[in-house]
């Protein structure tokens, strides 16, 4: 929350001065994800992950499903990186569905984010 702080300083002679310092918090509830990734080990776009104000997130949940509705990945870490592996095996190229739920530090609850991610091999 934005807050005003009163700062008081006293020197060795007992002289006192004070000032008000305003700390303004800019509300930033943004995070996003790409719509495709290529987990081929070339160091470019190898993971599905989210970007944005991740430091502002207090609670986070992500679930990823295949086209038959089987959950192939989940995490409660906003810094997750999914490499397209399920049960130790690389998943085939396809479109997968994700659901993300986030609660920010100030209690703001983001809507469920639902979308699709294309895994390209």
PDB file of N, CA and C in Angstrom:
ATOM      1  N   UNK A   1       0.833  -1.178   0.000  1.00  0.00           N
ATOM      2  CA  UNK A   1       0.000   0.000   0.000  1.00  0.00           C
ATOM      3  C   UNK A   1       0.875   1.238   0.000  1.00  0.00           C
ATOM      4  N   UNK A   2       0.414   2.255  -0.649  1.00  0.00           N
ATOM      5  CA  UNK A   2       1.102   3.540  -0.610  1.00  0.00           C
ATOM      6  C   UNK A   2       0.980   4.105   0.798  1.00  0.00           C
ATOM      7  N   UNK A   3       2.081   4.652   1.307  1.00  0.00           N
ATOM      8  CA  UNK A   3       2.135   5.109   2.688  1.00  0.00           C
ATOM      9  C   UNK A   3       3.020   6.339   2.804  1.00  0.00           C
ATOM     10  N   UNK A   4       2.690   7.221   3.749  1.00  0.00           N
ATOM     11  CA  UNK A   4       3.566   8.338   4.111  1.00  0.00           C
ATOM     12  C   UNK A   4       4.285   7.960   5.400  1.00  0.00           C
ATOM     13  N   UNK A   5       5.597   8.153   5.430  1.00  0.00           N
ATOM     14  CA  UNK A   5       6.408   7.905   6.617  1.00  0.00           C
ATOM     15  C   UNK A   5       6.951   9.229   7.119  1.00  0.00           C
ATOM     16  N   UNK A   6       6.874   9.444   8.425  1.00  0.00           N
ATOM     17  CA  UNK A   6       7.463  10.624   9.040  1.00  0.00           C
ATOM     18  C   UNK A   6       8.844  10.208   9.531  1.00  0.00           C
ATOM     19  N   UNK A   7       9.863  10.931   9.042  1.00  0.00           N
ATOM     20  CA  UNK A   7      11.241  10.644   9.417  1.00  0.00           C
ATOM     21  C   UNK A   7      11.707  11.766  10.338  1.00  0.00           C
ATOM     22  N   UNK A   8      12.191  11.395  11.526  1.00  0.00           N
ATOM     23  CA  UNK A   8      12.664  12.369  12.495  1.00  0.00           C
ATOM     24  C   UNK A   8      14.140  12.097  12.747  1.00  0.00           C
ATOM     25  N   UNK A   9      14.946  13.173  12.671  1.00  0.00           N
ATOM     26  CA  UNK A   9      16.374  13.050  12.952  1.00  0.00           C
ATOM     27  C   UNK A   9      16.764  13.996  14.080  1.00  0.00           C
ATOM     28  N   UNK A  10      17.606  13.504  15.010  1.00  0.00           N
ATOM     29  CA  UNK A  10      18.078  14.313  16.129  1.00  0.00           C
ATOM     30  C   UNK A  10      19.605  14.242  16.127  1.00  0.00           C
ATOM     31  N   UNK A  11      20.252  15.411  16.112  1.00  0.00           N
ATOM     32  CA  UNK A  11      21.717  15.410  16.119  1.00  0.00           C
ATOM     33  C   UNK A  11      22.244  15.364  17.553  1.00  0.00           C
ATOM     34  N   UNK A  12      23.552  15.377  17.699  1.00  0.00           N
ATOM     35  CA  UNK A  12      24.177  15.248  19.024  1.00  0.00           C
ATOM     36  C   UNK A  12      23.906  16.451  19.920  1.00  0.00           C
ATOM     37  N   UNK A  13      23.485  17.575  19.371  1.00  0.00           N
ATOM     38  CA  UNK A  13      23.148  18.762  20.161  1.00  0.00           C
ATOM     39  C   UNK A  13      21.676  18.792  20.548  1.00  0.00           C
ATOM     40  N   UNK A  14      20.929  17.782  20.157  1.00  0.00           N
ATOM     41  CA  UNK A  14      19.513  17.726  20.480  1.00  0.00           C
ATOM     42  C   UNK A  14      18.619  18.452  19.496  1.00  0.00           C
ATOM     43  N   UNK A  15      19.218  18.988  18.424  1.00  0.00           N
ATOM     44  CA  UNK A  15      18.405  19.645  17.401  1.00  0.00           C
ATOM     45  C   UNK A  15      17.632  18.593  16.617  1.00  0.00           C
ATOM     46  N   UNK A  16      16.407  18.916  16.349  1.00  0.00           N
ATOM     47  CA  UNK A  16      15.525  17.944  15.708  1.00  0.00           C
ATOM     48  C   UNK A  16      15.004  18.484  14.384  1.00  0.00           C
ATOM     49  N   UNK A  17      14.898  17.613  13.431  1.00  0.00           N
ATOM     50  CA  UNK A  17      14.291  17.938  12.143  1.00  0.00           C
ATOM     51  C   UNK A  17      13.434  16.767  11.713  1.00  0.00           C
ATOM     52  N   UNK A  18      12.404  17.056  10.965  1.00  0.00           N
ATOM     53  CA  UNK A  18      11.556  15.969  10.481  1.00  0.00           C
ATOM     54  C   UNK A  18      11.111  16.275   9.064  1.00  0.00           C
ATOM     55  N   UNK A  19      10.761  15.200   8.376  1.00  0.00           N
ATOM     56  CA  UNK A  19      10.278  15.321   7.006  1.00  0.00           C
ATOM     57  C   UNK A  19       9.333  14.157   6.758  1.00  0.00           C
ATOM     58  N   UNK A  20       8.540  14.297   5.739  1.00  0.00           N
ATOM     59  CA  UNK A  20       7.615  13.238   5.347  1.00  0.00           C
ATOM     60  C   UNK A  20       8.124  12.621   4.051  1.00  0.00           C
ATOM     61  N   UNK A  21       8.223  11.303   4.060  1.00  0.00           N
ATOM     62  CA  UNK A  21       8.633  10.563   2.874  1.00  0.00           C
ATOM     63  C   UNK A  21       7.425   9.762   2.401  1.00  0.00           C
ATOM     64  N   UNK A  22       7.043   9.977   1.160  1.00  0.00           N
ATOM     65  CA  UNK A  22       5.913   9.238   0.597  1.00  0.00           C
ATOM     66  C   UNK A  22       6.440   8.076  -0.235  1.00  0.00           C
ATOM     67  N   UNK A  23       5.915   6.896   0.058  1.00  0.00           N
ATOM     68  CA  UNK A  23       6.224   5.708  -0.735  1.00  0.00           C
ATOM     69  C   UNK A  23       4.960   5.355  -1.502  1.00  0.00           C
ATOM     70  N   UNK A  24       5.043   5.479  -2.816  1.00  0.00           N
ATOM     71  CA  UNK A  24       3.889   5.210  -3.672  1.00  0.00           C
ATOM     72  C   UNK A  24       4.083   3.851  -4.327  1.00  0.00           C
ATOM     73  N   UNK A  25       3.138   2.974  -4.113  1.00  0.00           N
ATOM     74  CA  UNK A  25       3.171   1.642  -4.697  1.00  0.00           C
ATOM     75  C   UNK A  25       2.338   1.656  -5.968  1.00  0.00           C
ATOM     76  N   UNK A  26       2.956   1.276  -7.052  1.00  0.00           N
ATOM     77  CA  UNK A  26       2.244   1.193  -8.325  1.00  0.00           C
ATOM     78  C   UNK A  26       1.682  -0.220  -8.443  1.00  0.00           C
ATOM     79  N   UNK A  27       0.390  -0.308  -8.525  1.00  0.00           N
ATOM     80  CA  UNK A  27      -0.251  -1.619  -8.631  1.00  0.00           C
ATOM     81  C   UNK A  27       0.079  -2.239  -9.982  1.00  0.00           C
ATOM     82  N   UNK A  28       0.660  -3.408  -9.936  1.00  0.00           N
ATOM     83  CA  UNK A  28       1.042  -4.118 -11.158  1.00  0.00           C
ATOM     84  C   UNK A  28       0.632  -5.574 -11.011  1.00  0.00           C
ATOM     85  N   UNK A  29      -0.475  -5.911 -11.613  1.00  0.00           N
ATOM     86  CA  UNK A  29      -1.009  -7.261 -11.525  1.00  0.00           C
ATOM     87  C   UNK A  29      -0.836  -7.998 -12.845  1.00  0.00           C
ATOM     88  N   UNK A  30       0.239  -7.696 -13.543  1.00  0.00           N
ATOM     89  CA  UNK A  30       0.399  -8.281 -14.871  1.00  0.00           C
ATOM     90  C   UNK A  30       1.343  -9.472 -14.852  1.00  0.00           C
ATOM     91  N   UNK A  31       0.951 -10.493 -15.541  1.00  0.00           N
ATOM     92  CA  UNK A  31       1.831 -11.594 -15.911  1.00  0.00           C
ATOM     93  C   UNK A  31       1.238 -12.238 -17.152  1.00  0.00           C
ATOM     94  N   UNK A  32       2.083 -12.839 -17.944  1.00  0.00           N
ATOM     95  CA  UNK A  32       1.634 -13.400 -19.214  1.00  0.00           C
ATOM     96  C   UNK A  32       2.523 -14.586 -19.565  1.00  0.00           C
ATOM     97  N   UNK A  33       2.093 -15.313 -20.579  1.00  0.00           N
ATOM     98  CA  UNK A  33       2.838 -16.484 -21.037  1.00  0.00           C
ATOM     99  C   UNK A  33       2.823 -16.506 -22.564  1.00  0.00           C
ATOM    100  N   UNK A  34       3.823 -17.149 -23.158  1.00  0.00           N
ATOM    101  CA  UNK A  34       3.824 -17.277 -24.617  1.00  0.00           C
ATOM    102  C   UNK A  34       2.771 -18.293 -25.052  1.00  0.00           C
ATOM    103  N   UNK A  35       2.537 -18.374 -26.350  1.00  0.00           N
ATOM    104  CA  UNK A  35       1.546 -19.345 -26.834  1.00  0.00           C
ATOM    105  C   UNK A  35       2.199 -20.547 -27.510  1.00  0.00           C
ATOM    106  N   UNK A  36       3.547 -20.588 -27.515  1.00  0.00           N
ATOM    107  CA  UNK A  36       4.268 -21.737 -28.091  1.00  0.00           C
ATOM    108  C   UNK A  36       5.660 -21.815 -27.471  1.00  0.00           C
ATOM    109  N   UNK A  37       6.211 -23.007 -27.441  1.00  0.00           N
ATOM    110  CA  UNK A  37       7.596 -23.183 -27.017  1.00  0.00           C
ATOM    111  C   UNK A  37       8.191 -24.387 -27.724  1.00  0.00           C
ATOM    112  N   UNK A  38       9.521 -24.415 -27.780  1.00  0.00           N
ATOM    113  CA  UNK A  38      10.240 -25.453 -28.536  1.00  0.00           C
ATOM    114  C   UNK A  38      11.308 -26.095 -27.653  1.00  0.00           C
ATOM    115  N   UNK A  39      10.935 -27.078 -26.858  1.00  0.00           N
ATOM    116  CA  UNK A  39      11.895 -27.690 -25.931  1.00  0.00           C
ATOM    117  C   UNK A  39      12.856 -28.649 -26.651  1.00  0.00           C
ATOM    118  N   UNK A  40      13.770 -28.066 -27.428  1.00  0.00           N
ATOM    119  CA  UNK A  40      14.710 -28.892 -28.193  1.00  0.00           C
ATOM    120  C   UNK A  40      16.149 -28.765 -27.699  1.00  0.00           C
ATOM    121  N   UNK A  41      16.359 -28.057 -26.600  1.00  0.00           N
ATOM    122  CA  UNK A  41      17.687 -27.969 -26.011  1.00  0.00           C
ATOM    123  C   UNK A  41      18.630 -26.981 -26.674  1.00  0.00           C
ATOM    124  N   UNK A  42      18.107 -26.110 -27.542  1.00  0.00           N
ATOM    125  CA  UNK A  42      18.995 -25.153 -28.212  1.00  0.00           C
ATOM    126  C   UNK A  42      19.203 -23.877 -27.404  1.00  0.00           C
ATOM    127  N   UNK A  43      18.577 -23.795 -26.226  1.00  0.00           N
ATOM    128  CA  UNK A  43      18.734 -22.622 -25.379  1.00  0.00           C
ATOM    129  C   UNK A  43      17.788 -21.480 -25.702  1.00  0.00           C
ATOM    130  N   UNK A  44      16.965 -21.640 -26.717  1.00  0.00           N
ATOM    131  CA  UNK A  44      15.991 -20.609 -27.098  1.00  0.00           C
ATOM    132  C   UNK A  44      14.583 -21.154 -26.945  1.00  0.00           C
ATOM    133  N   UNK A  45      13.801 -20.512 -26.086  1.00  0.00           N
ATOM    134  CA  UNK A  45      12.386 -20.865 -25.958  1.00  0.00           C
ATOM    135  C   UNK A  45      12.180 -22.332 -25.595  1.00  0.00           C
ATOM    136  N   UNK A  46      13.061 -22.862 -24.721  1.00  0.00           N
ATOM    137  CA  UNK A  46      13.008 -24.281 -24.355  1.00  0.00           C
ATOM    138  C   UNK A  46      11.982 -24.609 -23.280  1.00  0.00           C
ATOM    139  N   UNK A  47      11.407 -23.597 -22.647  1.00  0.00           N
ATOM    140  CA  UNK A  47      10.483 -23.830 -21.532  1.00  0.00           C
ATOM    141  C   UNK A  47       9.215 -23.025 -21.703  1.00  0.00           C
ATOM    142  N   UNK A  48       8.124 -23.581 -21.192  1.00  0.00           N
ATOM    143  CA  UNK A  48       6.901 -22.803 -21.010  1.00  0.00           C
ATOM    144  C   UNK A  48       6.982 -22.218 -19.609  1.00  0.00           C
ATOM    145  N   UNK A  49       6.805 -20.902 -19.506  1.00  0.00           N
ATOM    146  CA  UNK A  49       6.861 -20.220 -18.218  1.00  0.00           C
ATOM    147  C   UNK A  49       6.076 -18.925 -18.322  1.00  0.00           C
ATOM    148  N   UNK A  50       5.884 -18.262 -17.187  1.00  0.00           N
ATOM    149  CA  UNK A  50       5.191 -16.978 -17.195  1.00  0.00           C
ATOM    150  C   UNK A  50       6.196 -15.864 -16.953  1.00  0.00           C
ATOM    151  N   UNK A  51       5.827 -14.675 -17.422  1.00  0.00           N
ATOM    152  CA  UNK A  51       6.650 -13.478 -17.292  1.00  0.00           C
ATOM    153  C   UNK A  51       5.796 -12.377 -16.687  1.00  0.00           C
ATOM    154  N   UNK A  52       6.443 -11.365 -16.145  1.00  0.00           N
ATOM    155  CA  UNK A  52       5.719 -10.225 -15.595  1.00  0.00           C
ATOM    156  C   UNK A  52       6.107  -9.973 -14.159  1.00  0.00           C
ATOM    157  N   UNK A  53       5.170  -9.476 -13.373  1.00  0.00           N
ATOM    158  CA  UNK A  53       5.423  -9.122 -11.982  1.00  0.00           C
ATOM    159  C   UNK A  53       5.336 -10.353 -11.081  1.00  0.00           C
ATOM    160  N   UNK A  54       6.263 -11.258 -11.233  1.00  0.00           N
ATOM    161  CA  UNK A  54       6.253 -12.494 -10.455  1.00  0.00           C
ATOM    162  C   UNK A  54       6.615 -12.242  -8.993  1.00  0.00           C
ATOM    163  N   UNK A  55       7.416 -11.196  -8.723  1.00  0.00           N
ATOM    164  CA  UNK A  55       7.799 -10.881  -7.348  1.00  0.00           C
ATOM    165  C   UNK A  55       6.601 -10.417  -6.528  1.00  0.00           C
ATOM    166  N   UNK A  56       5.568  -9.932  -7.198  1.00  0.00           N
ATOM    167  CA  UNK A  56       4.378  -9.445  -6.509  1.00  0.00           C
ATOM    168  C   UNK A  56       3.361 -10.530  -6.205  1.00  0.00           C
ATOM    169  N   UNK A  57       3.662 -11.773  -6.564  1.00  0.00           N
ATOM    170  CA  UNK A  57       2.709 -12.876  -6.380  1.00  0.00           C
ATOM    171  C   UNK A  57       2.993 -13.595  -5.062  1.00  0.00           C
ATOM    172  N   UNK A  58       1.941 -13.737  -4.247  1.00  0.00           N
ATOM    173  CA  UNK A  58       2.056 -14.442  -2.969  1.00  0.00           C
ATOM    174  C   UNK A  58       1.693 -15.919  -3.127  1.00  0.00           C
ATOM    175  N   UNK A  59       0.642 -16.200  -3.874  1.00  0.00           N
ATOM    176  CA  UNK A  59       0.170 -17.587  -4.066  1.00  0.00           C
ATOM    177  C   UNK A  59      -0.015 -17.806  -5.555  1.00  0.00           C
ATOM    178  N   UNK A  60       0.442 -18.952  -6.037  1.00  0.00           N
ATOM    179  CA  UNK A  60       0.428 -19.222  -7.473  1.00  0.00           C
ATOM    180  C   UNK A  60       0.169 -20.705  -7.702  1.00  0.00           C
ATOM    181  N   UNK A  61      -0.643 -21.004  -8.669  1.00  0.00           N
ATOM    182  CA  UNK A  61      -0.895 -22.390  -9.077  1.00  0.00           C
ATOM    183  C   UNK A  61      -1.022 -22.432 -10.589  1.00  0.00           C
ATOM    184  N   UNK A  62      -0.350 -23.403 -11.207  1.00  0.00           N
ATOM    185  CA  UNK A  62      -0.495 -23.629 -12.641  1.00  0.00           C
ATOM    186  C   UNK A  62      -0.731 -25.120 -12.863  1.00  0.00           C
ATOM    187  N   UNK A  63      -1.626 -25.435 -13.787  1.00  0.00           N
ATOM    188  CA  UNK A  63      -1.873 -26.814 -14.210  1.00  0.00           C
ATOM    189  C   UNK A  63      -1.902 -26.830 -15.731  1.00  0.00           C
ATOM    190  N   UNK A  64      -1.295 -27.876 -16.310  1.00  0.00           N
ATOM    191  CA  UNK A  64      -1.271 -28.028 -17.764  1.00  0.00           C
ATOM    192  C   UNK A  64      -1.870 -29.398 -18.092  1.00  0.00           C
ATOM    193  N   UNK A  65      -2.750 -29.407 -19.098  1.00  0.00           N
ATOM    194  CA  UNK A  65      -3.471 -30.622 -19.483  1.00  0.00           C
ATOM    195  C   UNK A  65      -3.243 -30.926 -20.957  1.00  0.00           C
ATOM    196  N   UNK A  66      -3.265 -32.221 -21.289  1.00  0.00           N
ATOM    197  CA  UNK A  66      -3.201 -32.593 -22.704  1.00  0.00           C
ATOM    198  C   UNK A  66      -4.604 -32.521 -23.300  1.00  0.00           C
ATOM    199  N   UNK A  67      -4.733 -32.864 -24.558  1.00  0.00           N
ATOM    200  CA  UNK A  67      -6.041 -32.701 -25.238  1.00  0.00           C
ATOM    201  C   UNK A  67      -7.098 -33.682 -24.760  1.00  0.00           C
ATOM    202  N   UNK A  68      -6.703 -34.690 -23.981  1.00  0.00           N
ATOM    203  CA  UNK A  68      -7.656 -35.637 -23.420  1.00  0.00           C
ATOM    204  C   UNK A  68      -8.015 -35.273 -21.982  1.00  0.00           C
ATOM    205  N   UNK A  69      -7.459 -34.179 -21.483  1.00  0.00           N
ATOM    206  CA  UNK A  69      -7.783 -33.724 -20.137  1.00  0.00           C
ATOM    207  C   UNK A  69      -6.900 -34.289 -19.044  1.00  0.00           C
ATOM    208  N   UNK A  70      -5.859 -35.018 -19.418  1.00  0.00           N
ATOM    209  CA  UNK A  70      -4.948 -35.552 -18.401  1.00  0.00           C
ATOM    210  C   UNK A  70      -3.970 -34.462 -17.975  1.00  0.00           C
ATOM    211  N   UNK A  71      -3.822 -34.303 -16.648  1.00  0.00           N
ATOM    212  CA  UNK A  71      -2.886 -33.302 -16.153  1.00  0.00           C
ATOM    213  C   UNK A  71      -1.466 -33.814 -16.378  1.00  0.00           C
ATOM    214  N   UNK A  72      -0.674 -33.016 -17.121  1.00  0.00           N
ATOM    215  CA  UNK A  72       0.691 -33.420 -17.445  1.00  0.00           C
ATOM    216  C   UNK A  72       1.739 -32.603 -16.686  1.00  0.00           C
ATOM    217  N   UNK A  73       1.293 -31.534 -16.001  1.00  0.00           N
ATOM    218  CA  UNK A  73       2.225 -30.719 -15.221  1.00  0.00           C
ATOM    219  C   UNK A  73       1.436 -29.855 -14.252  1.00  0.00           C
ATOM    220  N   UNK A  74       2.002 -29.648 -13.065  1.00  0.00           N
ATOM    221  CA  UNK A  74       1.459 -28.654 -12.139  1.00  0.00           C
ATOM    222  C   UNK A  74       2.586 -28.116 -11.270  1.00  0.00           C
ATOM    223  N   UNK A  75       2.386 -26.918 -10.784  1.00  0.00           N
ATOM    224  CA  UNK A  75       3.386 -26.276  -9.930  1.00  0.00           C
ATOM    225  C   UNK A  75       2.718 -25.172  -9.133  1.00  0.00           C
ATOM    226  N   UNK A  76       3.283 -24.876  -7.964  1.00  0.00           N
ATOM    227  CA  UNK A  76       2.825 -23.720  -7.191  1.00  0.00           C
ATOM    228  C   UNK A  76       3.932 -22.669  -7.091  1.00  0.00           C
ATOM    229  N   UNK A  77       4.925 -22.765  -7.970  1.00  0.00           N
ATOM    230  CA  UNK A  77       6.044 -21.831  -8.033  1.00  0.00           C
ATOM    231  C   UNK A  77       5.857 -20.911  -9.231  1.00  0.00           C
ATOM    232  N   UNK A  78       5.745 -19.599  -8.990  1.00  0.00           N
ATOM    233  CA  UNK A  78       5.540 -18.673 -10.107  1.00  0.00           C
ATOM    234  C   UNK A  78       6.749 -18.626 -11.039  1.00  0.00           C
ATOM    235  N   UNK A  79       7.899 -19.103 -10.581  1.00  0.00           N
ATOM    236  CA  UNK A  79       9.094 -19.148 -11.418  1.00  0.00           C
ATOM    237  C   UNK A  79       9.285 -20.495 -12.115  1.00  0.00           C
ATOM    238  N   UNK A  80       8.222 -21.277 -12.231  1.00  0.00           N
ATOM    239  CA  UNK A  80       8.311 -22.603 -12.849  1.00  0.00           C
ATOM    240  C   UNK A  80       8.816 -22.518 -14.289  1.00  0.00           C
ATOM    241  N   UNK A  81       9.382 -23.615 -14.751  1.00  0.00           N
ATOM    242  CA  UNK A  81       9.735 -23.782 -16.164  1.00  0.00           C
ATOM    243  C   UNK A  81       9.361 -25.204 -16.547  1.00  0.00           C
ATOM    244  N   UNK A  82       8.445 -25.338 -17.487  1.00  0.00           N
ATOM    245  CA  UNK A  82       8.049 -26.672 -17.945  1.00  0.00           C
ATOM    246  C   UNK A  82       8.743 -26.958 -19.257  1.00  0.00           C
ATOM    247  N   UNK A  83       9.400 -28.118 -19.307  1.00  0.00           N
ATOM    248  CA  UNK A  83      10.192 -28.498 -20.476  1.00  0.00           C
ATOM    249  C   UNK A  83       9.494 -29.487 -21.401  1.00  0.00           C
ATOM    250  N   UNK A  84       8.197 -29.708 -21.203  1.00  0.00           N
ATOM    251  CA  UNK A  84       7.456 -30.617 -22.076  1.00  0.00           C
ATOM    252  C   UNK A  84       7.653 -32.082 -21.738  1.00  0.00           C
ATOM    253  N   UNK A  85       8.154 -32.358 -20.543  1.00  0.00           N
ATOM    254  CA  UNK A  85       8.377 -33.746 -20.100  1.00  0.00           C
ATOM    255  C   UNK A  85       7.230 -34.159 -19.189  1.00  0.00           C
ATOM    256  N   UNK A  86       6.758 -35.391 -19.377  1.00  0.00           N
ATOM    257  CA  UNK A  86       5.725 -35.961 -18.517  1.00  0.00           C
ATOM    258  C   UNK A  86       6.097 -37.403 -18.225  1.00  0.00           C
ATOM    259  N   UNK A  87       6.136 -37.743 -16.951  1.00  0.00           N
ATOM    260  CA  UNK A  87       6.525 -39.087 -16.506  1.00  0.00           C
ATOM    261  C   UNK A  87       7.869 -39.501 -17.104  1.00  0.00           C
ATOM    262  N   UNK A  88       8.791 -38.535 -17.180  1.00  0.00           N
ATOM    263  CA  UNK A  88      10.138 -38.815 -17.659  1.00  0.00           C
ATOM    264  C   UNK A  88      10.306 -38.906 -19.161  1.00  0.00           C
ATOM    265  N   UNK A  89       9.242 -38.691 -19.905  1.00  0.00           N
ATOM    266  CA  UNK A  89       9.289 -38.807 -21.365  1.00  0.00           C
ATOM    267  C   UNK A  89       8.871 -37.488 -22.021  1.00  0.00           C
ATOM    268  N   UNK A  90       9.501 -37.126 -23.151  1.00  0.00           N
ATOM    269  CA  UNK A  90       9.074 -35.926 -23.869  1.00  0.00           C
ATOM    270  C   UNK A  90       7.683 -36.118 -24.474  1.00  0.00           C
ATOM    271  N   UNK A  91       6.827 -35.152 -24.267  1.00  0.00           N
ATOM    272  CA  UNK A  91       5.493 -35.222 -24.852  1.00  0.00           C
ATOM    273  C   UNK A  91       5.563 -34.892 -26.337  1.00  0.00           C
ATOM    274  N   UNK A  92       4.599 -35.399 -27.118  1.00  0.00           N
ATOM    275  CA  UNK A  92       4.604 -35.126 -28.559  1.00  0.00           C
ATOM    276  C   UNK A  92       4.178 -33.693 -28.850  1.00  0.00           C
ATOM    277  N   UNK A  93       4.525 -33.205 -30.025  1.00  0.00           N
ATOM    278  CA  UNK A  93       4.032 -31.886 -30.432  1.00  0.00           C
ATOM    279  C   UNK A  93       2.509 -31.890 -30.401  1.00  0.00           C
ATOM    280  N   UNK A  94       1.953 -30.869 -29.804  1.00  0.00           N
ATOM    281  CA  UNK A  94       0.506 -30.786 -29.687  1.00  0.00           C
ATOM    282  C   UNK A  94       0.155 -29.459 -29.026  1.00  0.00           C
ATOM    283  N   UNK A  95      -1.143 -29.240 -28.891  1.00  0.00           N
ATOM    284  CA  UNK A  95      -1.634 -28.081 -28.155  1.00  0.00           C
ATOM    285  C   UNK A  95      -2.054 -28.562 -26.772  1.00  0.00           C
ATOM    286  N   UNK A  96      -1.579 -27.870 -25.739  1.00  0.00           N
ATOM    287  CA  UNK A  96      -1.886 -28.182 -24.353  1.00  0.00           C
ATOM    288  C   UNK A  96      -2.628 -26.990 -23.752  1.00  0.00           C
ATOM    289  N   UNK A  97      -3.425 -27.263 -22.741  1.00  0.00           N
ATOM    290  CA  UNK A  97      -4.235 -26.231 -22.105  1.00  0.00           C
ATOM    291  C   UNK A  97      -3.677 -25.970 -20.714  1.00  0.00           C
ATOM    292  N   UNK A  98      -3.628 -24.676 -20.325  1.00  0.00           N
ATOM    293  CA  UNK A  98      -3.167 -24.346 -18.978  1.00  0.00           C
ATOM    294  C   UNK A  98      -4.215 -23.525 -18.238  1.00  0.00           C
ATOM    295  N   UNK A  99      -4.162 -23.641 -16.915  1.00  0.00           N
ATOM    296  CA  UNK A  99      -4.979 -22.836 -16.009  1.00  0.00           C
ATOM    297  C   UNK A  99      -4.026 -22.268 -14.967  1.00  0.00           C
ATOM    298  N   UNK A 100      -4.063 -20.953 -14.785  1.00  0.00           N
ATOM    299  CA  UNK A 100      -3.198 -20.300 -13.808  1.00  0.00           C
ATOM    300  C   UNK A 100      -4.068 -19.491 -12.851  1.00  0.00           C
ATOM    301  N   UNK A 101      -3.798 -19.648 -11.563  1.00  0.00           N
ATOM    302  CA  UNK A 101      -4.465 -18.872 -10.526  1.00  0.00           C
ATOM    303  C   UNK A 101      -3.378 -18.158  -9.731  1.00  0.00           C
ATOM    304  N   UNK A 102      -3.522 -16.839  -9.518  1.00  0.00           N
ATOM    305  CA  UNK A 102      -2.516 -16.082  -8.776  1.00  0.00           C
ATOM    306  C   UNK A 102      -3.184 -15.138  -7.790  1.00  0.00           C
ATOM    307  N   UNK A 103      -2.559 -15.025  -6.608  1.00  0.00           N
ATOM    308  CA  UNK A 103      -2.959 -14.043  -5.605  1.00  0.00           C
ATOM    309  C   UNK A 103      -1.735 -13.189  -5.339  1.00  0.00           C
ATOM    310  N   UNK A 104      -1.903 -11.872  -5.401  1.00  0.00           N
ATOM    311  CA  UNK A 104      -0.785 -10.964  -5.217  1.00  0.00           C
ATOM    312  C   UNK A 104      -0.592 -10.621  -3.742  1.00  0.00           C
ATOM    313  N   UNK A 105       0.568 -10.056  -3.417  1.00  0.00           N
ATOM    314  CA  UNK A 105       0.937  -9.758  -2.033  1.00  0.00           C
ATOM    315  C   UNK A 105      -0.078  -8.888  -1.314  1.00  0.00           C
ATOM    316  N   UNK A 106      -0.736  -7.984  -2.042  1.00  0.00           N
ATOM    317  CA  UNK A 106      -1.709  -7.099  -1.405  1.00  0.00           C
ATOM    318  C   UNK A 106      -3.103  -7.717  -1.328  1.00  0.00           C
ATOM    319  N   UNK A 107      -3.215  -8.993  -1.678  1.00  0.00           N
ATOM    320  CA  UNK A 107      -4.494  -9.692  -1.589  1.00  0.00           C
ATOM    321  C   UNK A 107      -5.299  -9.668  -2.873  1.00  0.00           C
ATOM    322  N   UNK A 108      -4.859  -8.877  -3.867  1.00  0.00           N
ATOM    323  CA  UNK A 108      -5.570  -8.842  -5.147  1.00  0.00           C
ATOM    324  C   UNK A 108      -5.546 -10.242  -5.766  1.00  0.00           C
ATOM    325  N   UNK A 109      -6.703 -10.737  -6.103  1.00  0.00           N
ATOM    326  CA  UNK A 109      -6.796 -12.062  -6.725  1.00  0.00           C
ATOM    327  C   UNK A 109      -7.037 -11.858  -8.207  1.00  0.00           C
ATOM    328  N   UNK A 110      -6.126 -12.387  -9.000  1.00  0.00           N
ATOM    329  CA  UNK A 110      -6.289 -12.299 -10.437  1.00  0.00           C
ATOM    330  C   UNK A 110      -7.325 -13.323 -10.871  1.00  0.00           C
ATOM    331  N   UNK A 111      -8.007 -13.034 -11.947  1.00  0.00           N
ATOM    332  CA  UNK A 111      -8.932 -14.012 -12.501  1.00  0.00           C
ATOM    333  C   UNK A 111      -8.143 -15.246 -12.932  1.00  0.00           C
ATOM    334  N   UNK A 112      -8.823 -16.358 -12.998  1.00  0.00           N
ATOM    335  CA  UNK A 112      -8.173 -17.547 -13.545  1.00  0.00           C
ATOM    336  C   UNK A 112      -7.759 -17.241 -14.976  1.00  0.00           C
ATOM    337  N   UNK A 113      -6.525 -17.497 -15.266  1.00  0.00           N
ATOM    338  CA  UNK A 113      -6.054 -17.326 -16.640  1.00  0.00           C
ATOM    339  C   UNK A 113      -6.066 -18.701 -17.285  1.00  0.00           C
ATOM    340  N   UNK A 114      -6.748 -18.787 -18.397  1.00  0.00           N
ATOM    341  CA  UNK A 114      -6.842 -20.044 -19.131  1.00  0.00           C
ATOM    342  C   UNK A 114      -6.347 -19.788 -20.533  1.00  0.00           C
ATOM    343  N   UNK A 115      -5.620 -20.738 -21.077  1.00  0.00           N
ATOM    344  CA  UNK A 115      -5.132 -20.558 -22.430  1.00  0.00           C
ATOM    345  C   UNK A 115      -4.557 -21.846 -22.972  1.00  0.00           C
ATOM    346  N   UNK A 116      -3.972 -21.724 -24.130  1.00  0.00           N
ATOM    347  CA  UNK A 116      -3.365 -22.896 -24.754  1.00  0.00           C
ATOM    348  C   UNK A 116      -1.898 -22.582 -25.075  1.00  0.00           C
ATOM    349  N   UNK A 117      -1.121 -23.632 -25.063  1.00  0.00           N
ATOM    350  CA  UNK A 117       0.303 -23.542 -25.382  1.00  0.00           C
ATOM    351  C   UNK A 117       0.604 -24.639 -26.397  1.00  0.00           C
ATOM    352  N   UNK A 118       1.286 -24.271 -27.463  1.00  0.00           N
ATOM    353  CA  UNK A 118       1.659 -25.237 -28.492  1.00  0.00           C
ATOM    354  C   UNK A 118       3.084 -25.693 -28.262  1.00  0.00           C
ATOM    355  N   UNK A 119       3.256 -26.985 -28.085  1.00  0.00           N
ATOM    356  CA  UNK A 119       4.572 -27.581 -27.938  1.00  0.00           C
ATOM    357  C   UNK A 119       5.037 -27.972 -29.327  1.00  0.00           C
ATOM    358  N   UNK A 120       6.164 -27.401 -29.762  1.00  0.00           N
ATOM    359  CA  UNK A 120       6.706 -27.667 -31.092  1.00  0.00           C
ATOM    360  C   UNK A 120       8.040 -28.390 -30.932  1.00  0.00           C
ATOM    361  N   UNK A 121       8.203 -29.496 -31.587  1.00  0.00           N
ATOM    362  CA  UNK A 121       9.482 -30.241 -31.532  1.00  0.00           C
ATOM    363  C   UNK A 121      10.152 -30.193 -32.879  1.00  0.00           C
TER     364      UNK A 121
END
